[in-house]
N, C-alpha and C. Protein backbone atom coordinates (compact mmCIF):
# COMPACT_ATOMS: atom_id res chain seq x y z
N UNK A 1 78.55 -6.01 94.61
CA UNK A 1 77.50 -6.45 95.52
C UNK A 1 76.16 -6.03 94.92
N UNK A 2 75.26 -6.97 94.80
CA UNK A 2 73.93 -6.64 94.29
C UNK A 2 72.99 -6.31 95.45
N UNK A 3 71.76 -5.94 95.10
CA UNK A 3 70.78 -5.51 96.09
C UNK A 3 70.50 -6.60 97.13
N UNK A 4 70.29 -7.83 96.65
CA UNK A 4 69.97 -8.93 97.56
C UNK A 4 71.10 -9.17 98.56
N UNK A 5 72.32 -9.09 98.08
CA UNK A 5 73.47 -9.28 98.96
C UNK A 5 73.56 -8.14 99.96
N UNK A 6 73.27 -6.92 99.51
CA UNK A 6 73.29 -5.77 100.41
C UNK A 6 72.31 -6.00 101.56
N UNK A 7 71.08 -6.32 101.24
CA UNK A 7 70.04 -6.52 102.26
C UNK A 7 70.39 -7.72 103.15
N UNK A 8 70.87 -8.80 102.55
CA UNK A 8 71.25 -9.97 103.35
C UNK A 8 72.38 -9.63 104.33
N UNK A 9 73.34 -8.83 103.88
CA UNK A 9 74.45 -8.44 104.75
C UNK A 9 73.95 -7.58 105.91
N UNK A 10 73.06 -6.64 105.62
CA UNK A 10 72.47 -5.81 106.69
C UNK A 10 71.71 -6.71 107.66
N UNK A 11 70.94 -7.66 107.14
CA UNK A 11 70.17 -8.57 108.00
C UNK A 11 71.10 -9.38 108.90
N UNK A 12 72.22 -9.85 108.36
CA UNK A 12 73.18 -10.61 109.16
C UNK A 12 73.79 -9.73 110.25
N UNK A 13 74.12 -8.51 109.89
CA UNK A 13 74.72 -7.60 110.88
C UNK A 13 73.73 -7.27 112.00
N UNK A 14 72.46 -7.13 111.65
CA UNK A 14 71.44 -6.78 112.64
C UNK A 14 70.80 -7.99 113.30
N UNK A 15 71.07 -9.16 112.74
CA UNK A 15 70.43 -10.39 113.20
C UNK A 15 68.91 -10.25 113.18
N UNK A 16 68.43 -9.84 111.99
CA UNK A 16 66.99 -9.68 111.80
C UNK A 16 66.60 -10.31 110.47
N UNK A 17 65.29 -10.33 110.19
CA UNK A 17 64.84 -10.91 108.93
C UNK A 17 65.03 -9.93 107.77
N UNK A 18 64.92 -10.46 106.58
CA UNK A 18 65.17 -9.67 105.38
C UNK A 18 64.23 -8.46 105.25
N UNK A 19 62.91 -8.61 105.46
CA UNK A 19 62.04 -7.44 105.33
C UNK A 19 62.42 -6.30 106.28
N UNK A 20 62.80 -6.65 107.49
CA UNK A 20 63.21 -5.61 108.46
C UNK A 20 64.51 -4.95 108.01
N UNK A 21 65.45 -5.74 107.55
CA UNK A 21 66.73 -5.20 107.06
C UNK A 21 66.50 -4.31 105.84
N UNK A 22 65.60 -4.71 104.98
CA UNK A 22 65.31 -3.91 103.79
C UNK A 22 64.70 -2.57 104.19
N UNK A 23 63.73 -2.59 105.08
CA UNK A 23 63.09 -1.36 105.52
C UNK A 23 64.06 -0.41 106.20
N UNK A 24 64.90 -0.94 107.06
CA UNK A 24 65.88 -0.10 107.75
C UNK A 24 66.94 0.43 106.79
N UNK A 25 67.30 -0.38 105.81
CA UNK A 25 68.26 0.08 104.80
C UNK A 25 67.71 1.27 104.03
N UNK A 26 66.46 1.19 103.62
CA UNK A 26 65.83 2.29 102.89
C UNK A 26 65.85 3.56 103.75
N UNK A 27 65.47 3.44 104.99
CA UNK A 27 65.42 4.60 105.88
C UNK A 27 66.80 5.23 106.05
N UNK A 28 67.79 4.43 106.38
CA UNK A 28 69.13 4.96 106.63
C UNK A 28 69.72 5.55 105.35
N UNK A 29 69.56 4.86 104.23
CA UNK A 29 70.12 5.37 102.98
C UNK A 29 69.51 6.71 102.59
N UNK A 30 68.22 6.84 102.74
CA UNK A 30 67.59 8.12 102.38
C UNK A 30 67.95 9.23 103.36
N UNK A 31 68.07 8.90 104.63
CA UNK A 31 68.52 9.91 105.59
C UNK A 31 69.93 10.37 105.24
N UNK A 32 70.79 9.43 104.89
CA UNK A 32 72.15 9.77 104.49
C UNK A 32 72.14 10.62 103.22
N UNK A 33 71.40 10.20 102.23
CA UNK A 33 71.32 10.94 100.96
C UNK A 33 70.95 12.40 101.19
N UNK A 34 70.00 12.63 102.07
CA UNK A 34 69.53 13.99 102.32
C UNK A 34 70.56 14.85 103.05
N UNK A 35 71.65 14.24 103.54
CA UNK A 35 72.73 14.98 104.18
C UNK A 35 73.82 15.36 103.19
N UNK A 36 73.66 14.90 101.95
CA UNK A 36 74.64 15.16 100.89
C UNK A 36 74.08 16.17 99.90
N UNK A 37 74.96 16.84 99.18
CA UNK A 37 74.49 17.72 98.12
C UNK A 37 73.80 16.87 97.05
N UNK A 38 72.86 17.44 96.31
CA UNK A 38 72.23 16.67 95.23
C UNK A 38 73.26 16.10 94.24
N UNK A 39 74.32 16.86 93.95
CA UNK A 39 75.35 16.36 93.03
C UNK A 39 76.06 15.15 93.60
N UNK A 40 76.42 15.22 94.89
CA UNK A 40 77.09 14.08 95.51
C UNK A 40 76.14 12.89 95.60
N UNK A 41 74.87 13.14 95.89
CA UNK A 41 73.88 12.06 95.93
C UNK A 41 73.80 11.37 94.57
N UNK A 42 73.86 12.15 93.49
CA UNK A 42 73.84 11.58 92.14
C UNK A 42 75.12 10.78 91.88
N UNK A 43 76.25 11.27 92.38
CA UNK A 43 77.51 10.54 92.21
C UNK A 43 77.47 9.20 92.94
N UNK A 44 76.90 9.17 94.14
CA UNK A 44 76.76 7.92 94.88
C UNK A 44 75.83 6.98 94.11
N UNK A 45 74.71 7.51 93.62
CA UNK A 45 73.75 6.68 92.88
C UNK A 45 74.42 5.97 91.71
N UNK A 46 75.34 6.65 91.06
CA UNK A 46 76.03 6.06 89.90
C UNK A 46 76.86 4.83 90.29
N UNK A 47 77.19 4.70 91.57
CA UNK A 47 78.01 3.57 92.04
C UNK A 47 77.15 2.40 92.55
N UNK A 48 75.84 2.58 92.62
CA UNK A 48 74.97 1.58 93.22
C UNK A 48 74.38 0.64 92.18
N UNK A 49 74.09 -0.61 92.58
CA UNK A 49 73.37 -1.51 91.67
C UNK A 49 71.96 -0.96 91.43
N UNK A 50 71.36 -1.38 90.33
CA UNK A 50 70.10 -0.81 89.86
C UNK A 50 69.02 -0.68 90.94
N UNK A 51 68.71 -1.76 91.65
CA UNK A 51 67.63 -1.72 92.63
C UNK A 51 67.95 -0.76 93.78
N UNK A 52 69.18 -0.75 94.21
CA UNK A 52 69.58 0.15 95.29
C UNK A 52 69.59 1.59 94.80
N UNK A 53 69.97 1.79 93.56
CA UNK A 53 69.95 3.14 92.97
C UNK A 53 68.53 3.69 92.94
N UNK A 54 67.57 2.85 92.57
CA UNK A 54 66.16 3.30 92.54
C UNK A 54 65.68 3.71 93.94
N UNK A 55 66.06 2.94 94.94
CA UNK A 55 65.70 3.28 96.32
C UNK A 55 66.36 4.59 96.74
N UNK A 56 67.65 4.71 96.45
CA UNK A 56 68.42 5.90 96.81
C UNK A 56 67.81 7.15 96.17
N UNK A 57 67.40 7.05 94.91
CA UNK A 57 66.92 8.22 94.18
C UNK A 57 65.43 8.53 94.37
N UNK A 58 64.67 7.58 94.89
CA UNK A 58 63.23 7.82 95.06
C UNK A 58 62.99 9.04 95.94
N UNK A 59 62.22 9.97 95.44
CA UNK A 59 61.89 11.18 96.19
C UNK A 59 62.98 12.23 96.17
N UNK A 60 64.06 11.98 95.45
CA UNK A 60 65.16 12.94 95.39
C UNK A 60 64.74 14.16 94.58
N UNK A 61 65.16 15.32 95.02
CA UNK A 61 64.88 16.59 94.37
C UNK A 61 66.22 17.27 94.10
N UNK A 62 66.56 17.42 92.83
CA UNK A 62 67.86 17.99 92.46
C UNK A 62 68.03 19.42 92.97
N UNK A 63 66.94 20.09 93.31
CA UNK A 63 67.03 21.46 93.80
C UNK A 63 66.93 21.59 95.31
N UNK A 64 66.94 20.47 96.00
CA UNK A 64 66.77 20.52 97.46
C UNK A 64 67.98 21.11 98.15
N UNK A 65 67.75 21.58 99.36
CA UNK A 65 68.84 22.04 100.21
C UNK A 65 69.32 20.85 101.05
N UNK A 66 70.58 20.87 101.38
CA UNK A 66 71.15 19.81 102.21
C UNK A 66 70.59 19.95 103.62
N UNK A 67 70.10 18.83 104.16
CA UNK A 67 69.59 18.81 105.53
C UNK A 67 70.77 18.67 106.48
N UNK A 68 71.16 19.75 107.10
CA UNK A 68 72.33 19.75 108.00
C UNK A 68 71.88 19.48 109.42
N UNK A 69 71.81 18.21 109.77
CA UNK A 69 71.52 17.85 111.16
C UNK A 69 72.69 17.05 111.69
N UNK A 70 72.72 16.90 112.98
CA UNK A 70 73.84 16.22 113.62
C UNK A 70 73.44 14.84 114.11
N UNK A 71 74.38 14.18 114.73
CA UNK A 71 74.28 12.78 115.12
C UNK A 71 73.00 12.44 115.87
N UNK A 72 72.71 13.14 116.95
CA UNK A 72 71.53 12.79 117.75
C UNK A 72 70.25 12.93 116.96
N UNK A 73 70.13 13.97 116.16
CA UNK A 73 68.93 14.15 115.33
C UNK A 73 68.85 13.08 114.25
N UNK A 74 69.99 12.73 113.66
CA UNK A 74 70.03 11.68 112.64
C UNK A 74 69.56 10.36 113.23
N UNK A 75 70.11 10.01 114.38
CA UNK A 75 69.72 8.77 115.07
C UNK A 75 68.23 8.81 115.42
N UNK A 76 67.77 9.94 115.94
CA UNK A 76 66.36 10.08 116.30
C UNK A 76 65.44 9.94 115.10
N UNK A 77 65.84 10.51 113.97
CA UNK A 77 65.03 10.38 112.75
C UNK A 77 64.93 8.93 112.30
N UNK A 78 66.05 8.21 112.35
CA UNK A 78 66.04 6.79 111.98
C UNK A 78 65.17 6.00 112.97
N UNK A 79 65.29 6.31 114.26
CA UNK A 79 64.48 5.61 115.27
C UNK A 79 62.99 5.81 115.01
N UNK A 80 62.60 7.06 114.78
CA UNK A 80 61.18 7.35 114.54
C UNK A 80 60.67 6.71 113.25
N UNK A 81 61.40 6.90 112.18
CA UNK A 81 60.96 6.36 110.88
C UNK A 81 60.97 4.84 110.87
N UNK A 82 61.91 4.24 111.61
CA UNK A 82 62.01 2.78 111.67
C UNK A 82 61.17 2.16 112.77
N UNK A 83 60.48 2.99 113.54
CA UNK A 83 59.66 2.55 114.67
C UNK A 83 60.49 1.61 115.56
N UNK A 84 61.66 2.10 115.92
CA UNK A 84 62.58 1.34 116.77
C UNK A 84 62.36 1.71 118.23
N UNK A 85 62.63 0.79 119.14
CA UNK A 85 62.32 1.05 120.55
C UNK A 85 63.18 2.12 121.21
N UNK A 86 64.42 2.29 120.73
CA UNK A 86 65.29 3.28 121.36
C UNK A 86 66.42 3.67 120.41
N UNK A 87 67.19 4.66 120.83
CA UNK A 87 68.27 5.16 119.99
C UNK A 87 69.37 4.13 119.78
N UNK A 88 69.57 3.24 120.73
CA UNK A 88 70.63 2.24 120.56
C UNK A 88 70.32 1.30 119.40
N UNK A 89 69.04 0.97 119.21
CA UNK A 89 68.65 0.14 118.07
C UNK A 89 68.81 0.90 116.76
N UNK A 90 68.50 2.18 116.78
CA UNK A 90 68.69 3.01 115.58
C UNK A 90 70.17 3.09 115.24
N UNK A 91 70.99 3.24 116.25
CA UNK A 91 72.44 3.32 116.06
C UNK A 91 72.97 2.02 115.45
N UNK A 92 72.49 0.88 115.93
CA UNK A 92 72.88 -0.41 115.35
C UNK A 92 72.51 -0.47 113.88
N UNK A 93 71.31 -0.02 113.54
CA UNK A 93 70.85 -0.05 112.15
C UNK A 93 71.72 0.87 111.28
N UNK A 94 72.00 2.05 111.78
CA UNK A 94 72.82 3.00 111.03
C UNK A 94 74.20 2.41 110.77
N UNK A 95 74.82 1.88 111.79
CA UNK A 95 76.16 1.29 111.62
C UNK A 95 76.13 0.14 110.62
N UNK A 96 75.11 -0.70 110.69
CA UNK A 96 75.02 -1.84 109.78
C UNK A 96 74.88 -1.38 108.33
N UNK A 97 74.03 -0.40 108.10
CA UNK A 97 73.82 0.09 106.73
C UNK A 97 75.05 0.86 106.25
N UNK A 98 75.60 1.72 107.08
CA UNK A 98 76.81 2.45 106.70
C UNK A 98 77.93 1.48 106.34
N UNK A 99 78.16 0.47 107.19
CA UNK A 99 79.24 -0.49 106.94
C UNK A 99 79.01 -1.25 105.64
N UNK A 100 77.78 -1.62 105.38
CA UNK A 100 77.47 -2.36 104.16
C UNK A 100 77.62 -1.47 102.93
N UNK A 101 77.23 -0.21 103.05
CA UNK A 101 77.41 0.73 101.94
C UNK A 101 78.90 0.95 101.68
N UNK A 102 79.68 1.09 102.72
CA UNK A 102 81.13 1.26 102.56
C UNK A 102 81.72 0.05 101.83
N UNK A 103 81.28 -1.13 102.23
CA UNK A 103 81.76 -2.36 101.58
C UNK A 103 81.37 -2.37 100.11
N UNK A 104 80.13 -2.02 99.83
CA UNK A 104 79.66 -1.97 98.44
C UNK A 104 80.50 -1.01 97.62
N UNK A 105 80.88 0.11 98.22
CA UNK A 105 81.68 1.12 97.52
C UNK A 105 83.17 0.77 97.48
N UNK A 106 83.53 -0.38 98.03
CA UNK A 106 84.91 -0.83 97.99
C UNK A 106 85.83 -0.06 98.92
N UNK A 107 85.29 0.38 100.05
CA UNK A 107 86.06 1.22 100.96
C UNK A 107 86.19 0.56 102.33
N UNK A 108 87.30 -0.10 102.61
CA UNK A 108 87.45 -0.78 103.90
C UNK A 108 87.51 0.15 105.11
N UNK A 109 87.90 1.40 104.91
CA UNK A 109 87.97 2.33 106.05
C UNK A 109 86.88 3.39 106.00
N UNK A 110 86.08 3.39 104.94
CA UNK A 110 85.06 4.42 104.77
C UNK A 110 85.62 5.73 104.27
N UNK A 111 86.89 5.71 103.87
CA UNK A 111 87.55 6.95 103.45
C UNK A 111 88.24 6.82 102.10
N UNK A 112 87.81 5.89 101.28
CA UNK A 112 88.37 5.73 99.95
C UNK A 112 87.29 5.98 98.90
N UNK A 113 87.69 6.53 97.76
CA UNK A 113 86.81 6.69 96.63
C UNK A 113 85.54 7.45 96.94
N UNK A 114 84.43 6.90 96.50
CA UNK A 114 83.12 7.55 96.70
C UNK A 114 82.76 7.64 98.18
N UNK A 115 83.20 6.66 98.96
CA UNK A 115 82.94 6.71 100.41
C UNK A 115 83.60 7.95 101.02
N UNK A 116 84.79 8.31 100.52
CA UNK A 116 85.46 9.52 101.01
C UNK A 116 84.61 10.75 100.68
N UNK A 117 84.02 10.77 99.51
CA UNK A 117 83.21 11.91 99.12
C UNK A 117 82.00 12.06 100.04
N UNK A 118 81.40 10.93 100.42
CA UNK A 118 80.30 10.97 101.39
C UNK A 118 80.82 11.51 102.72
N UNK A 119 81.88 10.89 103.20
CA UNK A 119 82.49 11.26 104.48
C UNK A 119 82.79 12.76 104.53
N UNK A 120 83.34 13.29 103.47
CA UNK A 120 83.78 14.68 103.46
C UNK A 120 82.62 15.67 103.58
N UNK A 121 81.40 15.25 103.27
CA UNK A 121 80.25 16.14 103.36
C UNK A 121 79.49 16.05 104.68
N UNK A 122 79.86 15.11 105.51
CA UNK A 122 79.13 14.93 106.77
C UNK A 122 79.66 15.87 107.85
N UNK A 123 78.77 16.32 108.76
CA UNK A 123 79.25 17.07 109.92
C UNK A 123 80.14 16.17 110.77
N UNK A 124 80.97 16.79 111.60
CA UNK A 124 81.99 16.05 112.37
C UNK A 124 81.41 14.87 113.14
N UNK A 125 80.29 15.07 113.82
CA UNK A 125 79.75 13.98 114.64
C UNK A 125 79.18 12.84 113.80
N UNK A 126 78.70 13.13 112.59
CA UNK A 126 78.27 12.05 111.69
C UNK A 126 79.49 11.38 111.05
N UNK A 127 80.56 12.13 110.86
CA UNK A 127 81.80 11.52 110.39
C UNK A 127 82.27 10.46 111.38
N UNK A 128 82.16 10.76 112.66
CA UNK A 128 82.56 9.79 113.69
C UNK A 128 81.70 8.53 113.60
N UNK A 129 80.42 8.69 113.35
CA UNK A 129 79.53 7.54 113.18
C UNK A 129 79.91 6.73 111.95
N UNK A 130 80.24 7.40 110.86
CA UNK A 130 80.70 6.75 109.62
C UNK A 130 81.98 5.94 109.90
N UNK A 131 82.90 6.53 110.68
CA UNK A 131 84.14 5.85 111.03
C UNK A 131 83.88 4.65 111.95
N UNK A 132 82.95 4.79 112.89
CA UNK A 132 82.59 3.68 113.79
C UNK A 132 82.08 2.50 112.97
N UNK A 133 81.28 2.78 111.96
CA UNK A 133 80.75 1.71 111.11
C UNK A 133 81.88 0.99 110.39
N UNK A 134 82.86 1.73 109.92
CA UNK A 134 84.00 1.11 109.23
C UNK A 134 84.79 0.22 110.18
N UNK A 135 85.01 0.70 111.41
CA UNK A 135 85.75 -0.09 112.39
C UNK A 135 84.98 -1.36 112.75
N UNK A 136 83.68 -1.23 112.94
CA UNK A 136 82.84 -2.39 113.26
C UNK A 136 82.90 -3.41 112.13
N UNK A 137 82.84 -2.92 110.91
CA UNK A 137 82.89 -3.79 109.74
C UNK A 137 84.22 -4.54 109.66
N UNK A 138 85.30 -3.85 109.98
CA UNK A 138 86.63 -4.47 109.91
C UNK A 138 86.77 -5.61 110.93
N UNK A 139 86.02 -5.51 112.02
CA UNK A 139 86.10 -6.54 113.07
C UNK A 139 85.23 -7.76 112.76
N UNK A 140 84.28 -7.62 111.83
CA UNK A 140 83.37 -8.71 111.51
C UNK A 140 83.98 -9.64 110.47
N UNK A 141 83.47 -10.83 110.42
CA UNK A 141 83.92 -11.82 109.45
C UNK A 141 82.80 -12.07 108.44
N UNK A 142 82.85 -11.36 107.31
CA UNK A 142 81.86 -11.56 106.25
C UNK A 142 82.54 -12.01 104.99
């Protein structure tokens, strides 16, 4: 899956235009990256197409500490950064981006390969959100 397909898939899942899908993808991906160790973030980057890798790595600091926040704070951060009207819209964006990332990584359940490595580093309540995205993706016809 290339960058354009990634953004188009997010846009279809959110039923929004491409610029909005692109902006929300950037926000969610960077929030997710900051919840992973720098080494794991680098491992994920190695699996991404060039344009998505550049977005994922922008602003990355190999010496940073992992931002350990939970579901509500994660959703709130996405809502604020995405200037979304409420947490339910942020949750929709997170699920859409997570599901599309899982698909890109070749993980139908969100628990195979590199997707498993992401999953294994998330706190329990974010793991549940990651799993919800996989279930939602499995129900869609793309």
